[in-house]
Amino acid sequence: MFVDAVRDCLKTGGYASKHAKEEAGGTLLVGVAGRLFKVDSDYQVGEPVDSYDACGCGTDVALGSQYATDFLPPKVRLRMALTTAEHHSSGVRGPFTTLSSR
């Protein structure tokens, strides 16, 4: 049900595409009940072995930042990973918006 809702949302927003009868969307991270999931462009859902993940062109930089700052609170680590990726990857730019239900 969740993947169907994501697909509908991406289609409605014009973000999903079809090539040779195969549908593709974007890659996104979703946190639910203290767990993190990555939804890939083919709508496959995975859960990382580590307690963190990243997606997009700044993935490697953001992962390195998160690994190195494992001792910091999650919100601080997230902001640091985003700003580090922005500094080291020409395809990453703010402003950054994060949402939390807490």
N, C-alpha and C. Protein backbone atom coordinates (compact mmCIF):
# COMPACT_ATOMS: atom_id res chain seq x y z
N MET A 1 0.81 -1.18 0.00
CA MET A 1 0.00 0.00 0.00
C MET A 1 0.87 1.26 0.00
N PHE A 2 1.94 1.26 0.78
CA PHE A 2 2.79 2.44 0.85
C PHE A 2 3.42 2.73 -0.50
N VAL A 3 3.95 1.71 -1.15
CA VAL A 3 4.61 1.90 -2.45
C VAL A 3 3.60 2.41 -3.47
N ASP A 4 2.38 1.90 -3.43
CA ASP A 4 1.34 2.39 -4.35
C ASP A 4 1.07 3.87 -4.13
N ALA A 5 1.05 4.29 -2.86
CA ALA A 5 0.84 5.71 -2.54
C ALA A 5 2.00 6.56 -3.03
N VAL A 6 3.23 6.05 -2.90
CA VAL A 6 4.41 6.77 -3.39
C VAL A 6 4.34 6.90 -4.91
N ARG A 7 4.01 5.82 -5.58
CA ARG A 7 3.89 5.85 -7.04
C ARG A 7 2.85 6.87 -7.49
N ASP A 8 1.69 6.86 -6.84
CA ASP A 8 0.63 7.82 -7.19
C ASP A 8 1.10 9.25 -6.96
N CYS A 9 1.77 9.49 -5.85
CA CYS A 9 2.27 10.82 -5.53
C CYS A 9 3.28 11.29 -6.58
N LEU A 10 4.21 10.43 -6.96
CA LEU A 10 5.22 10.80 -7.96
C LEU A 10 4.60 11.01 -9.34
N LYS A 11 3.60 10.21 -9.68
CA LYS A 11 2.90 10.40 -10.95
C LYS A 11 2.16 11.73 -10.97
N THR A 12 1.43 12.00 -9.89
CA THR A 12 0.65 13.24 -9.80
C THR A 12 1.56 14.46 -9.87
N GLY A 13 2.69 14.37 -9.23
CA GLY A 13 3.64 15.48 -9.23
C GLY A 13 4.48 15.58 -10.49
N GLY A 14 4.33 14.63 -11.41
CA GLY A 14 5.08 14.65 -12.66
C GLY A 14 6.51 14.19 -12.53
N TYR A 15 6.82 13.49 -11.42
CA TYR A 15 8.19 13.05 -11.18
C TYR A 15 8.45 11.64 -11.70
N ALA A 16 7.43 10.82 -11.74
CA ALA A 16 7.59 9.45 -12.24
C ALA A 16 7.63 9.49 -13.77
N SER A 17 8.34 8.55 -14.35
CA SER A 17 8.43 8.50 -15.81
C SER A 17 8.30 7.06 -16.29
N LYS A 18 8.01 6.91 -17.58
CA LYS A 18 7.91 5.58 -18.19
C LYS A 18 8.81 5.53 -19.40
N HIS A 19 9.65 4.50 -19.45
CA HIS A 19 10.51 4.27 -20.59
C HIS A 19 10.42 2.79 -20.93
N ALA A 20 10.08 2.50 -22.19
CA ALA A 20 9.95 1.11 -22.64
C ALA A 20 9.05 0.31 -21.70
N LYS A 21 7.93 0.87 -21.36
CA LYS A 21 6.90 0.24 -20.52
C LYS A 21 7.34 0.01 -19.08
N GLU A 22 8.49 0.54 -18.68
CA GLU A 22 8.94 0.42 -17.29
C GLU A 22 8.83 1.76 -16.60
N GLU A 23 8.15 1.75 -15.48
CA GLU A 23 7.96 2.96 -14.71
C GLU A 23 9.12 3.17 -13.75
N ALA A 24 9.52 4.41 -13.57
CA ALA A 24 10.60 4.73 -12.64
C ALA A 24 10.26 6.02 -11.91
N GLY A 25 10.62 6.06 -10.66
CA GLY A 25 10.44 7.27 -9.85
C GLY A 25 11.79 7.67 -9.29
N GLY A 26 11.79 8.52 -8.32
CA GLY A 26 13.03 8.94 -7.69
C GLY A 26 13.39 8.05 -6.53
N THR A 27 14.58 8.26 -6.01
CA THR A 27 15.01 7.54 -4.82
C THR A 27 14.76 8.44 -3.62
N LEU A 28 14.19 7.88 -2.57
CA LEU A 28 13.90 8.68 -1.39
C LEU A 28 14.08 7.88 -0.12
N LEU A 29 14.29 8.59 0.98
CA LEU A 29 14.44 7.98 2.29
C LEU A 29 13.19 8.26 3.10
N VAL A 30 12.74 7.25 3.83
CA VAL A 30 11.53 7.38 4.65
C VAL A 30 11.83 6.79 6.02
N GLY A 31 11.56 7.55 7.05
CA GLY A 31 11.71 7.07 8.42
C GLY A 31 10.34 6.82 9.02
N VAL A 32 10.17 5.64 9.61
CA VAL A 32 8.90 5.27 10.23
C VAL A 32 9.18 4.54 11.54
N ALA A 33 8.59 5.03 12.61
CA ALA A 33 8.69 4.37 13.92
C ALA A 33 10.13 4.04 14.31
N GLY A 34 11.03 4.99 14.08
CA GLY A 34 12.43 4.79 14.46
C GLY A 34 13.24 3.94 13.50
N ARG A 35 12.66 3.58 12.36
CA ARG A 35 13.38 2.78 11.36
C ARG A 35 13.51 3.60 10.07
N LEU A 36 14.57 3.34 9.31
CA LEU A 36 14.84 4.06 8.08
C LEU A 36 14.72 3.11 6.90
N PHE A 37 14.09 3.58 5.83
CA PHE A 37 13.92 2.79 4.62
C PHE A 37 14.31 3.63 3.41
N LYS A 38 14.87 2.95 2.40
CA LYS A 38 15.17 3.61 1.12
C LYS A 38 14.26 3.03 0.06
N VAL A 39 13.55 3.91 -0.63
CA VAL A 39 12.70 3.52 -1.75
C VAL A 39 13.48 3.88 -3.01
N ASP A 40 13.88 2.86 -3.77
CA ASP A 40 14.66 3.08 -4.99
C ASP A 40 13.76 3.46 -6.16
N SER A 41 14.38 3.87 -7.25
CA SER A 41 13.62 4.36 -8.41
C SER A 41 12.72 3.29 -9.02
N ASP A 42 13.01 2.01 -8.76
CA ASP A 42 12.13 0.94 -9.24
C ASP A 42 11.12 0.53 -8.17
N TYR A 43 11.01 1.34 -7.12
CA TYR A 43 10.07 1.17 -6.00
C TYR A 43 10.40 -0.01 -5.09
N GLN A 44 11.60 -0.52 -5.20
CA GLN A 44 12.06 -1.54 -4.26
C GLN A 44 12.33 -0.83 -2.94
N VAL A 45 11.93 -1.45 -1.84
CA VAL A 45 12.14 -0.86 -0.51
C VAL A 45 13.19 -1.67 0.23
N GLY A 46 14.19 -0.98 0.76
CA GLY A 46 15.24 -1.64 1.52
C GLY A 46 15.46 -0.94 2.85
N GLU A 47 16.03 -1.66 3.80
CA GLU A 47 16.36 -1.10 5.10
C GLU A 47 17.87 -1.24 5.30
N PRO A 48 18.58 -0.13 5.55
CA PRO A 48 20.04 -0.20 5.66
C PRO A 48 20.49 -0.98 6.89
N VAL A 49 21.65 -1.60 6.78
CA VAL A 49 22.25 -2.31 7.90
C VAL A 49 22.64 -1.31 8.99
N ASP A 50 23.19 -0.17 8.57
CA ASP A 50 23.53 0.89 9.52
C ASP A 50 22.26 1.67 9.86
N SER A 51 22.34 2.52 10.85
CA SER A 51 21.17 3.30 11.25
C SER A 51 21.01 4.56 10.41
N TYR A 52 21.72 4.66 9.29
CA TYR A 52 21.68 5.84 8.44
C TYR A 52 21.82 5.43 6.98
N ASP A 53 21.48 6.36 6.09
CA ASP A 53 21.62 6.12 4.66
C ASP A 53 21.62 7.47 3.97
N ALA A 54 21.78 7.48 2.67
CA ALA A 54 21.75 8.70 1.88
C ALA A 54 21.36 8.34 0.46
N CYS A 55 20.92 9.33 -0.30
CA CYS A 55 20.61 9.09 -1.70
C CYS A 55 20.91 10.35 -2.49
N GLY A 56 21.07 10.19 -3.79
CA GLY A 56 21.37 11.32 -4.65
C GLY A 56 22.85 11.42 -4.97
N CYS A 57 23.22 12.51 -5.63
CA CYS A 57 24.60 12.64 -6.10
C CYS A 57 25.60 12.89 -4.97
N GLY A 58 25.13 13.25 -3.79
CA GLY A 58 26.03 13.45 -2.66
C GLY A 58 26.07 12.28 -1.71
N THR A 59 25.60 11.12 -2.16
CA THR A 59 25.50 9.94 -1.29
C THR A 59 26.80 9.60 -0.57
N ASP A 60 27.88 9.46 -1.32
CA ASP A 60 29.14 9.02 -0.70
C ASP A 60 29.63 10.01 0.35
N VAL A 61 29.53 11.29 0.04
CA VAL A 61 29.98 12.32 0.99
C VAL A 61 29.11 12.30 2.24
N ALA A 62 27.79 12.23 2.05
CA ALA A 62 26.87 12.22 3.18
C ALA A 62 27.05 10.97 4.04
N LEU A 63 27.29 9.83 3.41
CA LEU A 63 27.52 8.60 4.18
C LEU A 63 28.79 8.71 5.00
N GLY A 64 29.84 9.26 4.41
CA GLY A 64 31.09 9.44 5.14
C GLY A 64 30.92 10.37 6.33
N SER A 65 30.17 11.44 6.15
CA SER A 65 29.91 12.37 7.23
C SER A 65 29.14 11.70 8.36
N GLN A 66 28.13 10.93 8.00
CA GLN A 66 27.32 10.25 9.03
C GLN A 66 28.14 9.21 9.79
N TYR A 67 28.99 8.50 9.07
CA TYR A 67 29.84 7.51 9.73
C TYR A 67 30.77 8.18 10.73
N ALA A 68 31.35 9.30 10.33
CA ALA A 68 32.33 9.98 11.17
C ALA A 68 31.70 10.71 12.36
N THR A 69 30.39 10.95 12.31
CA THR A 69 29.73 11.71 13.38
C THR A 69 28.71 10.86 14.13
N ASP A 70 28.97 9.58 14.20
CA ASP A 70 28.03 8.63 14.81
C ASP A 70 27.70 8.97 16.27
N PHE A 71 28.56 9.72 16.93
CA PHE A 71 28.39 10.06 18.35
C PHE A 71 27.45 11.25 18.56
N LEU A 72 27.10 11.97 17.50
CA LEU A 72 26.24 13.15 17.60
C LEU A 72 24.76 12.78 17.54
N PRO A 73 23.87 13.65 18.04
CA PRO A 73 22.43 13.40 17.92
C PRO A 73 21.99 13.35 16.45
N PRO A 74 20.97 12.57 16.12
CA PRO A 74 20.55 12.38 14.71
C PRO A 74 20.28 13.66 13.94
N LYS A 75 19.60 14.63 14.53
CA LYS A 75 19.30 15.86 13.79
C LYS A 75 20.57 16.63 13.44
N VAL A 76 21.53 16.62 14.34
CA VAL A 76 22.81 17.30 14.09
C VAL A 76 23.57 16.57 12.98
N ARG A 77 23.57 15.25 13.04
CA ARG A 77 24.26 14.44 12.02
C ARG A 77 23.66 14.67 10.64
N LEU A 78 22.33 14.74 10.58
CA LEU A 78 21.64 14.95 9.30
C LEU A 78 22.03 16.30 8.71
N ARG A 79 21.96 17.34 9.51
CA ARG A 79 22.31 18.69 9.03
C ARG A 79 23.78 18.72 8.59
N MET A 80 24.65 18.08 9.35
CA MET A 80 26.07 18.06 9.01
C MET A 80 26.31 17.29 7.71
N ALA A 81 25.62 16.18 7.52
CA ALA A 81 25.76 15.39 6.29
C ALA A 81 25.30 16.21 5.08
N LEU A 82 24.21 16.94 5.23
CA LEU A 82 23.71 17.76 4.12
C LEU A 82 24.67 18.89 3.77
N THR A 83 25.16 19.58 4.78
CA THR A 83 26.07 20.69 4.50
C THR A 83 27.42 20.20 3.99
N THR A 84 27.86 19.03 4.46
CA THR A 84 29.11 18.45 3.95
C THR A 84 28.96 18.06 2.49
N ALA A 85 27.83 17.42 2.15
CA ALA A 85 27.57 17.05 0.75
C ALA A 85 27.46 18.30 -0.12
N GLU A 86 26.85 19.34 0.40
CA GLU A 86 26.75 20.59 -0.36
C GLU A 86 28.13 21.18 -0.65
N HIS A 87 29.01 21.11 0.33
CA HIS A 87 30.36 21.65 0.18
C HIS A 87 31.20 20.85 -0.82
N HIS A 88 31.04 19.53 -0.84
CA HIS A 88 31.91 18.68 -1.63
C HIS A 88 31.30 18.15 -2.93
N SER A 89 30.03 18.38 -3.16
CA SER A 89 29.39 17.87 -4.38
C SER A 89 28.69 19.02 -5.11
N SER A 90 29.06 19.24 -6.35
CA SER A 90 28.51 20.37 -7.10
C SER A 90 27.02 20.22 -7.39
N GLY A 91 26.47 19.02 -7.24
CA GLY A 91 25.06 18.80 -7.51
C GLY A 91 24.16 18.92 -6.29
N VAL A 92 24.73 19.25 -5.15
CA VAL A 92 23.95 19.35 -3.91
C VAL A 92 23.91 20.81 -3.48
N ARG A 93 22.70 21.35 -3.29
CA ARG A 93 22.54 22.73 -2.85
C ARG A 93 21.34 22.86 -1.94
N GLY A 94 21.48 23.70 -0.92
CA GLY A 94 20.37 24.05 -0.05
C GLY A 94 19.46 25.03 -0.76
N PRO A 95 18.39 25.42 -0.17
CA PRO A 95 18.06 25.15 1.23
C PRO A 95 17.56 23.72 1.42
N PHE A 96 17.77 23.19 2.59
CA PHE A 96 17.35 21.84 2.94
C PHE A 96 16.14 21.91 3.85
N THR A 97 15.18 21.05 3.59
CA THR A 97 13.98 20.98 4.42
C THR A 97 13.88 19.56 4.96
N THR A 98 13.79 19.42 6.26
CA THR A 98 13.58 18.11 6.86
C THR A 98 12.27 18.16 7.63
N LEU A 99 11.58 17.05 7.64
CA LEU A 99 10.31 16.96 8.34
C LEU A 99 10.37 15.91 9.41
N SER A 100 9.73 16.19 10.53
CA SER A 100 9.69 15.24 11.62
C SER A 100 8.33 15.36 12.31
N SER A 101 7.79 14.24 12.71
CA SER A 101 6.50 14.27 13.41
C SER A 101 6.70 14.41 14.91
N ARG A 102 7.95 14.46 15.36
CA ARG A 102 8.22 14.62 16.79
C ARG A 102 8.47 16.05 17.14
